[in-house]
C-alpha atoms as a PDB file:
ATOM      1  CA  UNK A   1     152.154 144.600  99.630  1.00  0.00           C
ATOM      2  CA  UNK A   2     149.753 145.807  97.498  1.00  0.00           C
ATOM      3  CA  UNK A   3     146.495 146.408  99.436  1.00  0.00           C
ATOM      4  CA  UNK A   4     143.175 145.399  98.439  1.00  0.00           C
ATOM      5  CA  UNK A   5     140.352 147.827  98.386  1.00  0.00           C
ATOM      6  CA  UNK A   6     137.119 146.247  99.568  1.00  0.00           C
ATOM      7  CA  UNK A   7     134.233 146.043  96.935  1.00  0.00           C
ATOM      8  CA  UNK A   8     130.889 148.996  97.602  1.00  0.00           C
ATOM      9  CA  UNK A   9     128.260 146.509  99.345  1.00  0.00           C
ATOM     10  CA  UNK A  10     126.152 147.144  96.403  1.00  0.00           C
ATOM     11  CA  UNK A  11     129.166 146.130  93.820  1.00  0.00           C
ATOM     12  CA  UNK A  12     129.362 142.779  96.473  1.00  0.00           C
ATOM     13  CA  UNK A  13     126.240 141.691  96.644  1.00  0.00           C
ATOM     14  CA  UNK A  14     125.367 141.915  93.404  1.00  0.00           C
ATOM     15  CA  UNK A  15     128.810 139.915  92.727  1.00  0.00           C
ATOM     16  CA  UNK A  16     127.365 137.511  95.359  1.00  0.00           C
ATOM     17  CA  UNK A  17     124.275 137.765  92.839  1.00  0.00           C
ATOM     18  CA  UNK A  18     125.830 136.450  89.780  1.00  0.00           C
ATOM     19  CA  UNK A  19     127.809 133.837  92.181  1.00  0.00           C
ATOM     20  CA  UNK A  20     125.113 132.258  93.267  1.00  0.00           C
ATOM     21  CA  UNK A  21     122.841 132.005  89.964  1.00  0.00           C
ATOM     22  CA  UNK A  22     125.900 130.156  87.942  1.00  0.00           C
ATOM     23  CA  UNK A  23     126.420 127.622  91.007  1.00  0.00           C
ATOM     24  CA  UNK A  24     122.958 126.922  90.810  1.00  0.00           C
ATOM     25  CA  UNK A  25     122.526 126.682  87.063  1.00  0.00           C
ATOM     26  CA  UNK A  26     126.000 124.461  87.444  1.00  0.00           C
ATOM     27  CA  UNK A  27     124.136 122.262  89.974  1.00  0.00           C
ATOM     28  CA  UNK A  28     121.020 121.897  88.692  1.00  0.00           C
ATOM     29  CA  UNK A  29     123.261 120.766  85.157  1.00  0.00           C
ATOM     30  CA  UNK A  30     125.256 118.129  86.919  1.00  0.00           C
ATOM     31  CA  UNK A  31     122.326 116.947  88.941  1.00  0.00           C
ATOM     32  CA  UNK A  32     120.522 116.614  85.899  1.00  0.00           C
ATOM     33  CA  UNK A  33     123.311 114.125  84.050  1.00  0.00           C
ATOM     34  CA  UNK A  34     123.487 112.492  87.725  1.00  0.00           C
ATOM     35  CA  UNK A  35     120.099 111.713  88.700  1.00  0.00           C
ATOM     36  CA  UNK A  36     117.868 108.357  87.783  1.00  0.00           C
ATOM     37  CA  UNK A  37     114.810 108.374  86.306  1.00  0.00           C
ATOM     38  CA  UNK A  38     111.994 109.171  88.925  1.00  0.00           C
ATOM     39  CA  UNK A  39     111.606 106.246  91.607  1.00  0.00           C
ATOM     40  CA  UNK A  40     108.201 104.519  92.193  1.00  0.00           C
ATOM     41  CA  UNK A  41     106.406 104.130  95.296  1.00  0.00           C
ATOM     42  CA  UNK A  42     106.816 100.472  95.415  1.00  0.00           C
ATOM     43  CA  UNK A  43     108.830  98.157  97.851  1.00  0.00           C
ATOM     44  CA  UNK A  44     108.073  94.430  97.826  1.00  0.00           C
ATOM     45  CA  UNK A  45     109.661  91.707 100.687  1.00  0.00           C
ATOM     46  CA  UNK A  46     110.143  88.336 101.254  1.00  0.00           C
ATOM     47  CA  UNK A  47     110.906  86.944 104.723  1.00  0.00           C
ATOM     48  CA  UNK A  48     111.288  83.433 105.170  1.00  0.00           C
ATOM     49  CA  UNK A  49     110.310  81.206 108.807  1.00  0.00           C
ATOM     50  CA  UNK A  50     111.058  79.142 110.704  1.00  0.00           C
ATOM     51  CA  UNK A  51     107.299  76.734 111.959  1.00  0.00           C
ATOM     52  CA  UNK A  52     105.545  74.283 112.688  1.00  0.00           C
ATOM     53  CA  UNK A  53     101.544  76.255 112.857  1.00  0.00           C
ATOM     54  CA  UNK A  54      98.994  74.553 111.821  1.00  0.00           C
ATOM     55  CA  UNK A  55      96.740  77.672 110.568  1.00  0.00           C
ATOM     56  CA  UNK A  56      92.831  76.353 112.443  1.00  0.00           C
ATOM     57  CA  UNK A  57      89.497  78.679 111.271  1.00  0.00           C
ATOM     58  CA  UNK A  58      89.604  81.243 114.184  1.00  0.00           C
ATOM     59  CA  UNK A  59      93.474  82.613 112.966  1.00  0.00           C
ATOM     60  CA  UNK A  60      93.471  86.012 111.561  1.00  0.00           C
ATOM     61  CA  UNK A  61      96.209  87.812 109.234  1.00  0.00           C
ATOM     62  CA  UNK A  62      97.196  89.435 112.857  1.00  0.00           C
ATOM     63  CA  UNK A  63      97.635  86.375 114.144  1.00  0.00           C
ATOM     64  CA  UNK A  64      99.320  84.675 111.627  1.00  0.00           C
ATOM     65  CA  UNK A  65     102.001  87.369 111.560  1.00  0.00           C
ATOM     66  CA  UNK A  66     102.932  87.089 115.092  1.00  0.00           C
ATOM     67  CA  UNK A  67     103.103  83.129 114.450  1.00  0.00           C
ATOM     68  CA  UNK A  68     105.711  83.820 111.904  1.00  0.00           C
ATOM     69  CA  UNK A  69     107.261  86.189 113.230  1.00  0.00           C
ATOM     70  CA  UNK A  70     107.746  84.266 115.935  1.00  0.00           C
ATOM     71  CA  UNK A  71     109.737  82.254 114.564  1.00  0.00           C
ATOM     72  CA  UNK A  72     113.559  81.572 114.176  1.00  0.00           C
ATOM     73  CA  UNK A  73     114.848  83.408 110.490  1.00  0.00           C
ATOM     74  CA  UNK A  74     115.779  81.321 107.438  1.00  0.00           C
ATOM     75  CA  UNK A  75     116.110  83.751 105.430  1.00  0.00           C
ATOM     76  CA  UNK A  76     114.588  87.757 103.561  1.00  0.00           C
ATOM     77  CA  UNK A  77     114.927  89.950 100.900  1.00  0.00           C
ATOM     78  CA  UNK A  78     113.253  92.876  99.065  1.00  0.00           C
ATOM     79  CA  UNK A  79     112.491  91.618  95.347  1.00  0.00           C
ATOM     80  CA  UNK A  80     111.566  93.083  92.285  1.00  0.00           C
ATOM     81  CA  UNK A  81     108.627  90.420  92.085  1.00  0.00           C
ATOM     82  CA  UNK A  82     106.481  87.276  93.594  1.00  0.00           C
ATOM     83  CA  UNK A  83     106.942  84.588  90.933  1.00  0.00           C
ATOM     84  CA  UNK A  84     108.852  81.399  92.311  1.00  0.00           C
ATOM     85  CA  UNK A  85     109.708  82.551  95.332  1.00  0.00           C
ATOM     86  CA  UNK A  86     111.082  79.568  97.156  1.00  0.00           C
ATOM     87  CA  UNK A  87     113.596  78.848 100.400  1.00  0.00           C
ATOM     88  CA  UNK A  88     115.966  76.974  97.453  1.00  0.00           C
ATOM     89  CA  UNK A  89     116.978  80.694  96.524  1.00  0.00           C
ATOM     90  CA  UNK A  90     116.150  82.451  99.955  1.00  0.00           C
ATOM     91  CA  UNK A  91     116.820  79.622 102.665  1.00  0.00           C
ATOM     92  CA  UNK A  92     118.849  76.653 100.753  1.00  0.00           C
ATOM     93  CA  UNK A  93     118.077  73.767 101.989  1.00  0.00           C
ATOM     94  CA  UNK A  94     115.561  74.246 103.624  1.00  0.00           C
ATOM     95  CA  UNK A  95     112.619  72.217 102.929  1.00  0.00           C
ATOM     96  CA  UNK A  96     109.817  71.592 105.313  1.00  0.00           C
ATOM     97  CA  UNK A  97     108.701  73.234 108.443  1.00  0.00           C
ATOM     98  CA  UNK A  98     108.931  77.246 107.700  1.00  0.00           C
ATOM     99  CA  UNK A  99     106.484  80.053 107.254  1.00  0.00           C
ATOM    100  CA  UNK A 100     106.715  82.831 104.891  1.00  0.00           C
ATOM    101  CA  UNK A 101     105.633  86.152 104.462  1.00  0.00           C
ATOM    102  CA  UNK A 102     105.309  88.453 100.969  1.00  0.00           C
ATOM    103  CA  UNK A 103     104.600  92.121 101.092  1.00  0.00           C
ATOM    104  CA  UNK A 104     103.729  95.090  99.322  1.00  0.00           C
ATOM    105  CA  UNK A 105     104.132  98.197 100.046  1.00  0.00           C
ATOM    106  CA  UNK A 106     102.119 100.328  97.722  1.00  0.00           C
ATOM    107  CA  UNK A 107     100.804 103.662  96.971  1.00  0.00           C
ATOM    108  CA  UNK A 108      97.553 103.246  94.130  1.00  0.00           C
ATOM    109  CA  UNK A 109      97.684 105.592  91.160  1.00  0.00           C
ATOM    110  CA  UNK A 110      94.673 104.058  89.459  1.00  0.00           C
ATOM    111  CA  UNK A 111      91.292 102.657  91.482  1.00  0.00           C
ATOM    112  CA  UNK A 112      89.784 100.438  90.768  1.00  0.00           C
ATOM    113  CA  UNK A 113      89.263  96.283  91.211  1.00  0.00           C
ATOM    114  CA  UNK A 114      92.532  94.665  92.023  1.00  0.00           C
ATOM    115  CA  UNK A 115      92.379  90.798  91.819  1.00  0.00           C
ATOM    116  CA  UNK A 116      95.498  88.858  93.794  1.00  0.00           C
ATOM    117  CA  UNK A 117      95.603  85.409  92.560  1.00  0.00           C
ATOM    118  CA  UNK A 118      98.247  83.433  94.276  1.00  0.00           C
ATOM    119  CA  UNK A 119      99.375  80.148  93.543  1.00  0.00           C
ATOM    120  CA  UNK A 120     101.124  77.952  96.950  1.00  0.00           C
ATOM    121  CA  UNK A 121     102.617  75.516  97.877  1.00  0.00           C
ATOM    122  CA  UNK A 122     101.453  75.574 101.733  1.00  0.00           C
ATOM    123  CA  UNK A 123     100.731  72.494 103.783  1.00  0.00           C
ATOM    124  CA  UNK A 124      99.953  73.969 106.879  1.00  0.00           C
ATOM    125  CA  UNK A 125      97.711  77.045 104.996  1.00  0.00           C
ATOM    126  CA  UNK A 126      98.065  80.592 105.690  1.00  0.00           C
ATOM    127  CA  UNK A 127      96.610  83.911 104.436  1.00  0.00           C
ATOM    128  CA  UNK A 128      96.292  86.894 101.826  1.00  0.00           C
ATOM    129  CA  UNK A 129      95.160  90.388 103.405  1.00  0.00           C
ATOM    130  CA  UNK A 130      95.122  93.918 102.263  1.00  0.00           C
ATOM    131  CA  UNK A 131      96.517  96.520 104.896  1.00  0.00           C
ATOM    132  CA  UNK A 132      95.060 100.241 105.265  1.00  0.00           C
ATOM    133  CA  UNK A 133      99.414 102.020 105.753  1.00  0.00           C
ATOM    134  CA  UNK A 134      97.860 105.191 107.193  1.00  0.00           C
ATOM    135  CA  UNK A 135      95.563 103.178 109.810  1.00  0.00           C
ATOM    136  CA  UNK A 136      96.722 100.231 110.570  1.00  0.00           C
ATOM    137  CA  UNK A 137      93.222  98.567 109.544  1.00  0.00           C
ATOM    138  CA  UNK A 138      92.650  94.925 107.528  1.00  0.00           C
ATOM    139  CA  UNK A 139      90.472  96.044 104.987  1.00  0.00           C
ATOM    140  CA  UNK A 140      90.988  92.452 103.720  1.00  0.00           C
ATOM    141  CA  UNK A 141      91.238  88.804 104.556  1.00  0.00           C
ATOM    142  CA  UNK A 142      90.912  85.509 103.528  1.00  0.00           C
ATOM    143  CA  UNK A 143      91.884  82.566 105.757  1.00  0.00           C
ATOM    144  CA  UNK A 144      92.775  79.111 104.007  1.00  0.00           C
ATOM    145  CA  UNK A 145      93.815  76.675 106.431  1.00  0.00           C
ATOM    146  CA  UNK A 146      93.891  73.478 103.799  1.00  0.00           C
ATOM    147  CA  UNK A 147      97.080  71.940 102.492  1.00  0.00           C
ATOM    148  CA  UNK A 148      97.772  73.939  99.065  1.00  0.00           C
ATOM    149  CA  UNK A 149      99.140  73.029  96.724  1.00  0.00           C
ATOM    150  CA  UNK A 150      98.048  74.126  92.713  1.00  0.00           C
ATOM    151  CA  UNK A 151     100.526  72.025  91.062  1.00  0.00           C
ATOM    152  CA  UNK A 152     102.255  74.734  89.054  1.00  0.00           C
ATOM    153  CA  UNK A 153      98.930  75.391  86.758  1.00  0.00           C
ATOM    154  CA  UNK A 154      96.851  78.288  87.600  1.00  0.00           C
ATOM    155  CA  UNK A 155      93.441  76.837  86.662  1.00  0.00           C
ATOM    156  CA  UNK A 156      94.222  74.320  90.503  1.00  0.00           C
ATOM    157  CA  UNK A 157      91.419  74.862  92.837  1.00  0.00           C
ATOM    158  CA  UNK A 158      94.430  75.423  95.239  1.00  0.00           C
ATOM    159  CA  UNK A 159      94.808  79.043  93.256  1.00  0.00           C
ATOM    160  CA  UNK A 160      93.214  81.365  95.785  1.00  0.00           C
ATOM    161  CA  UNK A 161      91.685  84.315  94.630  1.00  0.00           C
ATOM    162  CA  UNK A 162      91.037  87.321  96.361  1.00  0.00           C
ATOM    163  CA  UNK A 163      89.722  91.419  95.304  1.00  0.00           C
ATOM    164  CA  UNK A 164      89.175  94.766  96.935  1.00  0.00           C
ATOM    165  CA  UNK A 165      88.400  98.459  94.852  1.00  0.00           C
ATOM    166  CA  UNK A 166      92.130 100.150  95.889  1.00  0.00           C
ATOM    167  CA  UNK A 167      91.651 103.736  95.810  1.00  0.00           C
ATOM    168  CA  UNK A 168      93.649 106.090  93.897  1.00  0.00           C
ATOM    169  CA  UNK A 169      95.924 107.790  96.412  1.00  0.00           C
ATOM    170  CA  UNK A 170      95.808 105.401  98.965  1.00  0.00           C
ATOM    171  CA  UNK A 171      98.478 103.883 100.526  1.00  0.00           C
ATOM    172  CA  UNK A 172      98.073 100.380 100.893  1.00  0.00           C
ATOM    173  CA  UNK A 173      99.843  96.663 102.035  1.00  0.00           C
ATOM    174  CA  UNK A 174      99.383  93.892 100.599  1.00  0.00           C
ATOM    175  CA  UNK A 175     100.507  90.955 102.448  1.00  0.00           C
ATOM    176  CA  UNK A 176     100.648  86.668 102.513  1.00  0.00           C
ATOM    177  CA  UNK A 177     101.929  83.851 104.572  1.00  0.00           C
ATOM    178  CA  UNK A 178     101.535  80.461 104.228  1.00  0.00           C
ATOM    179  CA  UNK A 179     103.238  77.931 106.003  1.00  0.00           C
ATOM    180  CA  UNK A 180     104.792  74.592 104.927  1.00  0.00           C
ATOM    181  CA  UNK A 181     104.796  71.444 105.714  1.00  0.00           C
ATOM    182  CA  UNK A 182     106.936  69.624 102.736  1.00  0.00           C
ATOM    183  CA  UNK A 183     108.532  69.778 100.565  1.00  0.00           C
ATOM    184  CA  UNK A 184     109.228  73.500  99.791  1.00  0.00           C
ATOM    185  CA  UNK A 185     107.187  74.241  96.018  1.00  0.00           C
ATOM    186  CA  UNK A 186     107.539  77.642  94.669  1.00  0.00           C
ATOM    187  CA  UNK A 187     104.981  80.442  95.001  1.00  0.00           C
ATOM    188  CA  UNK A 188     104.113  82.848  92.477  1.00  0.00           C
ATOM    189  CA  UNK A 189     101.039  85.611  92.676  1.00  0.00           C
ATOM    190  CA  UNK A 190      99.897  87.372  89.871  1.00  0.00           C
ATOM    191  CA  UNK A 191      96.935  90.012  89.791  1.00  0.00           C
ATOM    192  CA  UNK A 192      94.327  91.805  87.109  1.00  0.00           C
ATOM    193  CA  UNK A 193      93.015  95.305  87.077  1.00  0.00           C
ATOM    194  CA  UNK A 194      89.940  95.480  86.013  1.00  0.00           C
ATOM    195  CA  UNK A 195      88.806  91.985  85.233  1.00  0.00           C
ATOM    196  CA  UNK A 196      92.229  92.901  82.306  1.00  0.00           C
ATOM    197  CA  UNK A 197      94.376  90.133  81.890  1.00  0.00           C
ATOM    198  CA  UNK A 198      96.662  88.090  84.450  1.00  0.00           C
ATOM    199  CA  UNK A 199     100.071  89.410  84.601  1.00  0.00           C
ATOM    200  CA  UNK A 200     103.076  88.494  87.863  1.00  0.00           C
ATOM    201  CA  UNK A 201     103.573  90.619  90.269  1.00  0.00           C
ATOM    202  CA  UNK A 202     107.016  92.676  89.986  1.00  0.00           C
ATOM    203  CA  UNK A 203     107.891  96.266  89.335  1.00  0.00           C
ATOM    204  CA  UNK A 204     107.324  96.353  85.986  1.00  0.00           C
ATOM    205  CA  UNK A 205     103.916  94.887  85.233  1.00  0.00           C
ATOM    206  CA  UNK A 206     103.067  97.173  88.800  1.00  0.00           C
ATOM    207  CA  UNK A 207     104.297 100.536  87.938  1.00  0.00           C
ATOM    208  CA  UNK A 208     101.270 101.861  85.533  1.00  0.00           C
ATOM    209  CA  UNK A 209      99.128 101.452  88.804  1.00  0.00           C
ATOM    210  CA  UNK A 210     102.122 103.546  92.008  1.00  0.00           C
ATOM    211  CA  UNK A 211     102.049 106.600  93.182  1.00  0.00           C
ATOM    212  CA  UNK A 212     105.418 107.635  91.419  1.00  0.00           C
ATOM    213  CA  UNK A 213     107.777 109.168  93.391  1.00  0.00           C
ATOM    214  CA  UNK A 214     109.923 112.123  92.975  1.00  0.00           C
ATOM    215  CA  UNK A 215     113.905 111.601  92.654  1.00  0.00           C
ATOM    216  CA  UNK A 216     114.794 114.285  95.676  1.00  0.00           C
ATOM    217  CA  UNK A 217     117.852 115.608  93.683  1.00  0.00           C
ATOM    218  CA  UNK A 218     116.873 118.896  92.930  1.00  0.00           C
ATOM    219  CA  UNK A 219     115.594 119.968  96.436  1.00  0.00           C
ATOM    220  CA  UNK A 220     118.602 119.039  97.999  1.00  0.00           C
ATOM    221  CA  UNK A 221     120.607 121.439  95.618  1.00  0.00           C
ATOM    222  CA  UNK A 222     118.451 124.339  95.797  1.00  0.00           C
ATOM    223  CA  UNK A 223     119.346 123.670  99.723  1.00  0.00           C
ATOM    224  CA  UNK A 224     122.669 123.473  99.287  1.00  0.00           C
ATOM    225  CA  UNK A 225     122.453 126.302  97.434  1.00  0.00           C
ATOM    226  CA  UNK A 226     120.466 128.298  99.633  1.00  0.00           C
ATOM    227  CA  UNK A 227     122.930 127.259 102.253  1.00  0.00           C
ATOM    228  CA  UNK A 228     125.682 128.496 100.482  1.00  0.00           C
ATOM    229  CA  UNK A 229     124.275 132.006  99.933  1.00  0.00           C
ATOM    230  CA  UNK A 230     123.677 132.185 103.422  1.00  0.00           C
ATOM    231  CA  UNK A 231     127.462 131.237 104.208  1.00  0.00           C
ATOM    232  CA  UNK A 232     128.575 134.079 101.925  1.00  0.00           C
ATOM    233  CA  UNK A 233     126.422 136.953 103.430  1.00  0.00           C
ATOM    234  CA  UNK A 234     127.387 136.431 106.220  1.00  0.00           C
ATOM    235  CA  UNK A 235     130.990 136.188 105.384  1.00  0.00           C
ATOM    236  CA  UNK A 236     130.131 139.787 103.791  1.00  0.00           C
ATOM    237  CA  UNK A 237     128.765 141.130 106.956  1.00  0.00           C
ATOM    238  CA  UNK A 238     132.334 140.599 108.926  1.00  0.00           C
ATOM    239  CA  UNK A 239     134.199 141.904 105.710  1.00  0.00           C
ATOM    240  CA  UNK A 240     132.218 145.518 106.841  1.00  0.00           C
END
């Protein structure tokens, strides 16, 4: 049986470095082919619960959030936009006595004045709020106690508008909670940036204003390669 002579330490080190370079190049090539486009730091969600609560003038975002969360769950989802949100899609068969919460979590890429308009069917009122996600502080809130029905008309007086200057690099939660007695009309929210044209809120229209987050693929591949190199070096030391 032929005996294999171990390579000198210097030769082994050169071989390991060469293999490592080839390995990392292969990983990065695969990663560049497999990775998705850069994702955005943007999450939009809707949540329905059972509730017959009537909003009052003393209510706040915090009190109405507690009222909403106290109700039995009816349906929730992560969505791509806040256009025509209704129980017909997320809680089929429910047409009255429910609350709806819609939230957007984002990091702001462009500072400026953001205006939000809500067209809703909230027979028992509702609230809109902006929260600093770092501190949890409510920066702005607007409570409505009246019977809201916008009749699918953005010029209707029941459409309510909120404005806030959002800071670049800051992370926010935008939230809306509405309470409905009857008859499950859809809710749509749109926004305007610095007085520009209104656009329905969705992942496409918000993209220019949201901080992009890098894909983790490259870092993960490099970490994998470095871990492999460490294992190889330990193996070579044992061979000495």
